[in-house]
C-alpha atoms as a PDB file:
ATOM      1  CA  MET A   1     -15.942 140.869  68.476  1.00  0.00           C
ATOM      2  CA  SER A   2     -12.946 140.771  66.218  1.00  0.00           C
ATOM      3  CA  ASP A   3     -10.099 143.308  66.329  1.00  0.00           C
ATOM      4  CA  TYR A   4     -11.307 144.463  62.973  1.00  0.00           C
ATOM      5  CA  ASP A   5     -14.989 144.943  63.957  1.00  0.00           C
ATOM      6  CA  LYS A   6     -14.326 146.712  67.240  1.00  0.00           C
ATOM      7  CA  PHE A   7     -13.229 149.801  65.342  1.00  0.00           C
ATOM      8  CA  ASP A   8     -16.373 150.057  63.154  1.00  0.00           C
ATOM      9  CA  GLY A   9     -18.009 153.412  63.748  1.00  0.00           C
ATOM     10  CA  ILE A  10     -15.610 154.512  66.434  1.00  0.00           C
ATOM     11  CA  ALA A  11     -16.542 158.051  67.397  1.00  0.00           C
ATOM     12  CA  ASP A  12     -13.703 159.167  69.627  1.00  0.00           C
ATOM     13  CA  ILE A  13     -10.313 158.256  68.068  1.00  0.00           C
ATOM     14  CA  THR A  14      -8.596 160.877  70.249  1.00  0.00           C
ATOM     15  CA  GLY A  15      -9.930 159.147  73.345  1.00  0.00           C
ATOM     16  CA  TRP A  16      -8.797 155.811  71.952  1.00  0.00           C
ATOM     17  CA  ARG A  17      -5.308 157.237  71.414  1.00  0.00           C
ATOM     18  CA  HIS A  18      -5.103 158.394  74.984  1.00  0.00           C
ATOM     19  CA  GLN A  19      -6.348 155.033  76.302  1.00  0.00           C
ATOM     20  CA  PHE A  20      -3.924 153.262  74.036  1.00  0.00           C
ATOM     21  CA  ARG A  21      -0.954 155.295  75.109  1.00  0.00           C
ATOM     22  CA  ALA A  22      -1.755 154.726  78.780  1.00  0.00           C
ATOM     23  CA  ARG A  23      -2.168 151.003  78.268  1.00  0.00           C
ATOM     24  CA  MET A  24       1.142 150.792  76.355  1.00  0.00           C
ATOM     25  CA  MET A  25       2.986 152.752  79.042  1.00  0.00           C
ATOM     26  CA  ALA A  26       1.449 150.610  81.820  1.00  0.00           C
ATOM     27  CA  GLU A  27       2.410 147.288  80.238  1.00  0.00           C
ATOM     28  CA  ARG A  28       5.927 148.444  79.393  1.00  0.00           C
ATOM     29  CA  SER A  29       6.386 149.736  82.972  1.00  0.00           C
ATOM     30  CA  PHE A  30       5.144 146.449  84.430  1.00  0.00           C
ATOM     31  CA  LEU A  31       7.420 144.378  82.164  1.00  0.00           C
ATOM     32  CA  LEU A  32      10.521 146.317  83.115  1.00  0.00           C
ATOM     33  CA  ARG A  33       9.681 146.252  86.832  1.00  0.00           C
ATOM     34  CA  GLN A  34       9.997 142.488  86.738  1.00  0.00           C
ATOM     35  CA  LEU A  35      13.725 142.944  86.078  1.00  0.00           C
ATOM     36  CA  TYR A  36      14.381 145.348  88.919  1.00  0.00           C
ATOM     37  CA  GLY A  37      17.092 144.134  91.245  1.00  0.00           C
ATOM     38  CA  VAL A  38      18.103 141.221  89.019  1.00  0.00           C
ATOM     39  CA  SER A  39      21.812 141.100  88.192  1.00  0.00           C
ATOM     40  CA  GLY A  40      23.083 141.437  84.655  1.00  0.00           C
ATOM     41  CA  SER A  41      24.589 138.008  84.808  1.00  0.00           C
ATOM     42  CA  MET A  42      21.190 136.498  85.617  1.00  0.00           C
ATOM     43  CA  LEU A  43      19.450 138.470  82.853  1.00  0.00           C
ATOM     44  CA  VAL A  44      21.915 137.012  80.361  1.00  0.00           C
ATOM     45  CA  GLY A  45      22.580 133.606  81.766  1.00  0.00           C
ATOM     46  CA  THR A  46      19.419 132.266  83.483  1.00  0.00           C
ATOM     47  CA  PRO A  47      16.719 130.785  81.289  1.00  0.00           C
ATOM     48  CA  VAL A  48      13.237 132.268  81.654  1.00  0.00           C
ATOM     49  CA  ALA A  49      11.298 130.112  79.165  1.00  0.00           C
ATOM     50  CA  GLY A  50      13.000 127.161  77.472  1.00  0.00           C
ATOM     51  CA  THR A  51      16.446 128.440  76.485  1.00  0.00           C
ATOM     52  CA  TRP A  52      15.388 132.091  76.271  1.00  0.00           C
ATOM     53  CA  THR A  53      16.787 134.463  78.894  1.00  0.00           C
ATOM     54  CA  ALA A  54      15.372 137.783  79.997  1.00  0.00           C
ATOM     55  CA  LYS A  55      17.827 139.456  77.592  1.00  0.00           C
ATOM     56  CA  ASP A  56      16.524 137.333  74.687  1.00  0.00           C
ATOM     57  CA  ILE A  57      12.957 138.374  75.554  1.00  0.00           C
ATOM     58  CA  LEU A  58      13.906 142.034  75.491  1.00  0.00           C
ATOM     59  CA  VAL A  59      15.529 141.557  72.039  1.00  0.00           C
ATOM     60  CA  HIS A  60      12.408 139.660  70.801  1.00  0.00           C
ATOM     61  CA  ILE A  61      10.070 142.463  71.904  1.00  0.00           C
ATOM     62  CA  GLY A  62      12.215 145.113  70.271  1.00  0.00           C
ATOM     63  CA  LEU A  63      12.333 143.214  66.961  1.00  0.00           C
ATOM     64  CA  TRP A  64       8.566 142.859  66.875  1.00  0.00           C
ATOM     65  CA  ASP A  65       8.176 146.548  67.585  1.00  0.00           C
ATOM     66  CA  ALA A  66      10.390 147.162  64.566  1.00  0.00           C
ATOM     67  CA  PHE A  67       8.234 144.788  62.480  1.00  0.00           C
ATOM     68  CA  HIS A  68       5.095 146.689  63.292  1.00  0.00           C
ATOM     69  CA  THR A  69       6.746 150.032  62.789  1.00  0.00           C
ATOM     70  CA  LYS A  70       7.605 148.879  59.254  1.00  0.00           C
ATOM     71  CA  ARG A  71       3.954 147.955  58.776  1.00  0.00           C
ATOM     72  CA  LEU A  72       2.842 151.378  59.825  1.00  0.00           C
ATOM     73  CA  GLU A  73       5.427 152.956  57.474  1.00  0.00           C
ATOM     74  CA  SER A  74       3.807 150.927  54.655  1.00  0.00           C
ATOM     75  CA  VAL A  75       0.469 152.406  55.526  1.00  0.00           C
ATOM     76  CA  TYR A  76       1.968 155.904  55.730  1.00  0.00           C
ATOM     77  CA  SER A  77       3.544 155.579  52.335  1.00  0.00           C
ATOM     78  CA  GLY A  78       0.512 153.919  50.712  1.00  0.00           C
ATOM     79  CA  GLN A  79       2.415 150.689  49.991  1.00  0.00           C
ATOM     80  CA  LEU A  80      -0.297 148.365  51.358  1.00  0.00           C
ATOM     81  CA  SER A  81       0.693 145.486  49.033  1.00  0.00           C
ATOM     82  CA  GLU A  82       3.845 145.021  51.129  1.00  0.00           C
ATOM     83  CA  ILE A  83       1.965 144.139  54.281  1.00  0.00           C
ATOM     84  CA  ASP A  84       2.325 140.506  55.294  1.00  0.00           C
ATOM     85  CA  ASP A  85      -0.366 139.096  57.552  1.00  0.00           C
ATOM     86  CA  LEU A  86       1.818 136.341  59.155  1.00  0.00           C
ATOM     87  CA  ASN A  87      -1.223 134.312  60.111  1.00  0.00           C
ATOM     88  CA  ASP A  88       0.595 130.974  59.680  1.00  0.00           C
ATOM     89  CA  LYS A  89       1.616 129.943  63.218  1.00  0.00           C
ATOM     90  CA  SER A  90       4.340 127.594  61.984  1.00  0.00           C
ATOM     91  CA  ALA A  91       5.875 130.369  59.893  1.00  0.00           C
ATOM     92  CA  LEU A  92       5.664 132.725  62.849  1.00  0.00           C
ATOM     93  CA  ASP A  93       7.356 130.201  65.172  1.00  0.00           C
ATOM     94  CA  ALA A  94      10.029 129.592  62.553  1.00  0.00           C
ATOM     95  CA  LEU A  95      10.718 133.372  62.300  1.00  0.00           C
ATOM     96  CA  ASN A  96      10.976 133.685  66.002  1.00  0.00           C
ATOM     97  CA  ASP A  97      13.421 130.801  66.172  1.00  0.00           C
ATOM     98  CA  GLN A  98      15.481 132.348  63.352  1.00  0.00           C
ATOM     99  CA  LEU A  99      15.651 135.749  65.085  1.00  0.00           C
ATOM    100  CA  TYR A 100      16.592 134.105  68.375  1.00  0.00           C
ATOM    101  CA  GLU A 101      19.561 132.346  66.744  1.00  0.00           C
ATOM    102  CA  GLN A 102      20.567 135.512  64.973  1.00  0.00           C
ATOM    103  CA  TYR A 103      20.568 137.759  68.074  1.00  0.00           C
ATOM    104  CA  LYS A 104      21.257 135.361  70.986  1.00  0.00           C
ATOM    105  CA  LEU A 105      24.843 136.559  71.327  1.00  0.00           C
ATOM    106  CA  VAL A 106      23.865 140.246  71.466  1.00  0.00           C
ATOM    107  CA  PRO A 107      25.250 141.842  74.709  1.00  0.00           C
ATOM    108  CA  LEU A 108      22.720 142.967  77.327  1.00  0.00           C
ATOM    109  CA  ALA A 109      23.452 146.681  76.838  1.00  0.00           C
ATOM    110  CA  GLN A 110      22.715 146.338  73.131  1.00  0.00           C
ATOM    111  CA  ALA A 111      19.538 144.352  73.858  1.00  0.00           C
ATOM    112  CA  ILE A 112      18.263 147.155  76.154  1.00  0.00           C
ATOM    113  CA  GLY A 113      19.233 149.769  73.572  1.00  0.00           C
ATOM    114  CA  LEU A 114      17.341 147.907  70.841  1.00  0.00           C
ATOM    115  CA  LEU A 115      14.300 147.563  73.048  1.00  0.00           C
ATOM    116  CA  LEU A 116      14.196 151.376  73.706  1.00  0.00           C
ATOM    117  CA  LYS A 117      15.081 152.404  70.149  1.00  0.00           C
ATOM    118  CA  GLU A 118      12.421 150.313  68.458  1.00  0.00           C
ATOM    119  CA  ARG A 119       9.656 151.387  70.816  1.00  0.00           C
ATOM    120  CA  SER A 120      10.613 155.032  70.138  1.00  0.00           C
ATOM    121  CA  GLY A 121      10.431 154.408  66.400  1.00  0.00           C
ATOM    122  CA  PHE A 122       7.036 152.836  66.837  1.00  0.00           C
ATOM    123  CA  TRP A 123       5.706 155.894  68.634  1.00  0.00           C
ATOM    124  CA  THR A 124       7.161 158.176  65.959  1.00  0.00           C
ATOM    125  CA  MET A 125       5.122 156.370  63.339  1.00  0.00           C
ATOM    126  CA  MET A 126       1.992 156.260  65.460  1.00  0.00           C
ATOM    127  CA  ASP A 127       2.135 160.019  65.847  1.00  0.00           C
ATOM    128  CA  ARG A 128       2.679 160.503  62.079  1.00  0.00           C
ATOM    129  CA  LEU A 129      -0.364 158.459  61.080  1.00  0.00           C
ATOM    130  CA  SER A 130      -3.614 160.337  60.796  1.00  0.00           C
ATOM    131  CA  ASP A 131      -6.793 159.059  62.497  1.00  0.00           C
ATOM    132  CA  GLU A 132      -8.162 158.063  59.147  1.00  0.00           C
ATOM    133  CA  ALA A 133      -5.012 156.009  58.346  1.00  0.00           C
ATOM    134  CA  LEU A 134      -5.189 154.225  61.648  1.00  0.00           C
ATOM    135  CA  LEU A 135      -8.796 153.153  61.138  1.00  0.00           C
ATOM    136  CA  GLN A 136      -8.684 152.374  57.449  1.00  0.00           C
ATOM    137  CA  PRO A 137      -9.674 148.805  56.450  1.00  0.00           C
ATOM    138  CA  ILE A 138      -6.883 146.766  54.923  1.00  0.00           C
ATOM    139  CA  ALA A 139      -7.139 143.346  53.204  1.00  0.00           C
ATOM    140  CA  THR A 140      -3.906 141.446  52.715  1.00  0.00           C
ATOM    141  CA  ALA A 141      -3.194 139.099  49.808  1.00  0.00           C
ATOM    142  CA  SER A 142      -4.541 136.120  51.787  1.00  0.00           C
ATOM    143  CA  GLY A 143      -7.873 137.932  52.375  1.00  0.00           C
ATOM    144  CA  TRP A 144      -7.204 138.838  56.013  1.00  0.00           C
ATOM    145  CA  LYS A 145      -9.149 141.977  57.017  1.00  0.00           C
ATOM    146  CA  THR A 146      -7.420 144.245  59.534  1.00  0.00           C
ATOM    147  CA  ARG A 147      -6.781 147.837  60.533  1.00  0.00           C
ATOM    148  CA  PRO A 148      -3.531 149.592  61.678  1.00  0.00           C
ATOM    149  CA  ALA A 149      -5.185 150.447  64.990  1.00  0.00           C
ATOM    150  CA  ALA A 150      -5.635 146.767  65.670  1.00  0.00           C
ATOM    151  CA  TRP A 151      -1.978 146.034  65.018  1.00  0.00           C
ATOM    152  CA  ALA A 152      -1.037 148.851  67.385  1.00  0.00           C
ATOM    153  CA  GLU A 153      -2.979 147.174  70.163  1.00  0.00           C
ATOM    154  CA  TRP A 154      -0.911 143.967  69.674  1.00  0.00           C
ATOM    155  CA  ARG A 155       2.051 145.880  70.989  1.00  0.00           C
ATOM    156  CA  TYR A 156       0.737 146.230  74.478  1.00  0.00           C
ATOM    157  CA  ARG A 157      -0.623 142.748  74.403  1.00  0.00           C
ATOM    158  CA  HIS A 158       2.835 141.474  73.508  1.00  0.00           C
ATOM    159  CA  ASP A 159       4.358 143.415  76.449  1.00  0.00           C
ATOM    160  CA  GLN A 160       1.631 142.043  78.683  1.00  0.00           C
ATOM    161  CA  LEU A 161       2.296 138.421  77.582  1.00  0.00           C
ATOM    162  CA  HIS A 162       6.067 138.590  78.195  1.00  0.00           C
ATOM    163  CA  GLY A 163       5.630 140.765  81.282  1.00  0.00           C
ATOM    164  CA  GLN A 164       3.553 137.966  82.828  1.00  0.00           C
ATOM    165  CA  VAL A 165       6.169 135.371  81.796  1.00  0.00           C
ATOM    166  CA  LEU A 166       8.910 137.438  83.504  1.00  0.00           C
ATOM    167  CA  SER A 167       6.679 138.007  86.591  1.00  0.00           C
ATOM    168  CA  ASP A 168       6.195 134.227  86.966  1.00  0.00           C
ATOM    169  CA  TRP A 169       9.949 133.684  86.610  1.00  0.00           C
ATOM    170  CA  ARG A 170      10.752 136.379  89.143  1.00  0.00           C
ATOM    171  CA  ARG A 171       8.440 134.848  91.709  1.00  0.00           C
ATOM    172  CA  GLN A 172      10.368 131.599  91.476  1.00  0.00           C
ATOM    173  CA  LEU A 173      13.683 133.254  92.205  1.00  0.00           C
ATOM    174  CA  PRO A 174      15.151 133.100  95.750  1.00  0.00           C
ATOM    175  CA  PRO A 175      14.410 136.510  97.338  1.00  0.00           C
ATOM    176  CA  GLU A 176      18.054 137.463  97.557  1.00  0.00           C
ATOM    177  CA  MET A 177      18.423 137.017  93.718  1.00  0.00           C
ATOM    178  CA  ALA A 178      15.899 139.763  93.142  1.00  0.00           C
ATOM    179  CA  ARG A 179      17.737 142.227  95.435  1.00  0.00           C
ATOM    180  CA  GLN A 180      20.858 142.642  93.428  1.00  0.00           C
ATOM    181  CA  THR A 181      22.396 145.659  91.748  1.00  0.00           C
ATOM    182  CA  GLY A 182      21.071 145.537  88.226  1.00  0.00           C
ATOM    183  CA  PRO A 183      22.496 147.208  85.158  1.00  0.00           C
ATOM    184  CA  HIS A 184      22.312 151.008  85.312  1.00  0.00           C
ATOM    185  CA  GLN A 185      21.070 151.265  81.758  1.00  0.00           C
ATOM    186  CA  LEU A 186      18.093 149.017  82.640  1.00  0.00           C
ATOM    187  CA  LEU A 187      17.466 150.966  85.864  1.00  0.00           C
ATOM    188  CA  ARG A 188      17.234 154.243  83.901  1.00  0.00           C
ATOM    189  CA  ALA A 189      14.803 152.535  81.454  1.00  0.00           C
ATOM    190  CA  GLN A 190      12.665 151.379  84.364  1.00  0.00           C
ATOM    191  CA  ILE A 191      12.512 154.834  85.896  1.00  0.00           C
ATOM    192  CA  ARG A 192      11.585 156.441  82.579  1.00  0.00           C
ATOM    193  CA  ALA A 193       8.930 153.865  81.928  1.00  0.00           C
ATOM    194  CA  THR A 194       7.343 154.416  85.382  1.00  0.00           C
ATOM    195  CA  ARG A 195       7.329 158.124  84.845  1.00  0.00           C
ATOM    196  CA  HIS A 196       5.765 157.862  81.369  1.00  0.00           C
ATOM    197  CA  GLU A 197       3.103 155.541  82.759  1.00  0.00           C
ATOM    198  CA  PHE A 198       2.220 158.182  85.422  1.00  0.00           C
ATOM    199  CA  VAL A 199       2.106 161.100  82.956  1.00  0.00           C
ATOM    200  CA  SER A 200       0.068 159.165  80.357  1.00  0.00           C
ATOM    201  CA  LEU A 201      -2.765 158.963  82.978  1.00  0.00           C
ATOM    202  CA  VAL A 202      -3.214 162.715  82.909  1.00  0.00           C
ATOM    203  CA  ASP A 203      -4.724 162.544  79.414  1.00  0.00           C
ATOM    204  CA  LEU A 204      -7.433 160.276  80.716  1.00  0.00           C
ATOM    205  CA  VAL A 205      -8.747 163.022  83.014  1.00  0.00           C
ATOM    206  CA  SER A 206     -10.719 165.913  81.511  1.00  0.00           C
ATOM    207  CA  ILE A 207      -9.098 169.358  81.839  1.00  0.00           C
ATOM    208  CA  PRO A 208     -11.789 170.681  84.314  1.00  0.00           C
ATOM    209  CA  GLU A 209     -11.345 167.533  86.449  1.00  0.00           C
ATOM    210  CA  ARG A 210      -7.591 168.056  86.564  1.00  0.00           C
ATOM    211  CA  LEU A 211      -8.278 171.186  88.679  1.00  0.00           C
ATOM    212  CA  THR A 212     -10.968 169.696  90.936  1.00  0.00           C
ATOM    213  CA  ARG A 213     -10.746 165.931  91.149  1.00  0.00           C
ATOM    214  CA  PRO A 214      -9.081 164.676  94.411  1.00  0.00           C
ATOM    215  CA  VAL A 215      -6.240 162.312  93.756  1.00  0.00           C
ATOM    216  CA  CYS A 216      -4.568 161.978  97.143  1.00  0.00           C
ATOM    217  CA  GLY A 217      -6.543 163.154 100.151  1.00  0.00           C
ATOM    218  CA  HIS A 218      -7.813 166.697  99.430  1.00  0.00           C
END
């Protein structure tokens, strides 16, 4: 089933929003946990994939959050003609290469700030869009059929993809290299992400069950 078709006739968009938020929080928390105990010098100077470092991946994720926030803004303002499908893989790869070159000298603190800022902006737009707007069918100029809710799911898939890349990289590090004192700004982001992941799970439990369902022992 395509991303477009899976939303046909969806009855519980509120439930979908809760599931979506929990998945987003879980993938972001997992991604950031892969950087725990890694020094700032390694995050900036040690390649993870090709020439890309962990810092470059954080910038990359933030920039694509910004791209999809802009898409949601176009839906919110009714400017659907401005939505680009970017289905051409070669064009997509070229854009990623261009953004890498443009931002590769950004300091680590700025990369972390960009990551957090753009995800916050994405959530703001998600909260502003009505259920109807999230589910509305959209056809781009090339004939691609999509829905804003489907784009939204790409955000946690993107975190999942790069989180796994970082996890594989971390496992290859000597143990002592993952037991360093990392940047404080990143540690704060990791703590917040873990807390948000935990809190997002509450919405997946019905209100009556919150009072009666055992979680830990009794």
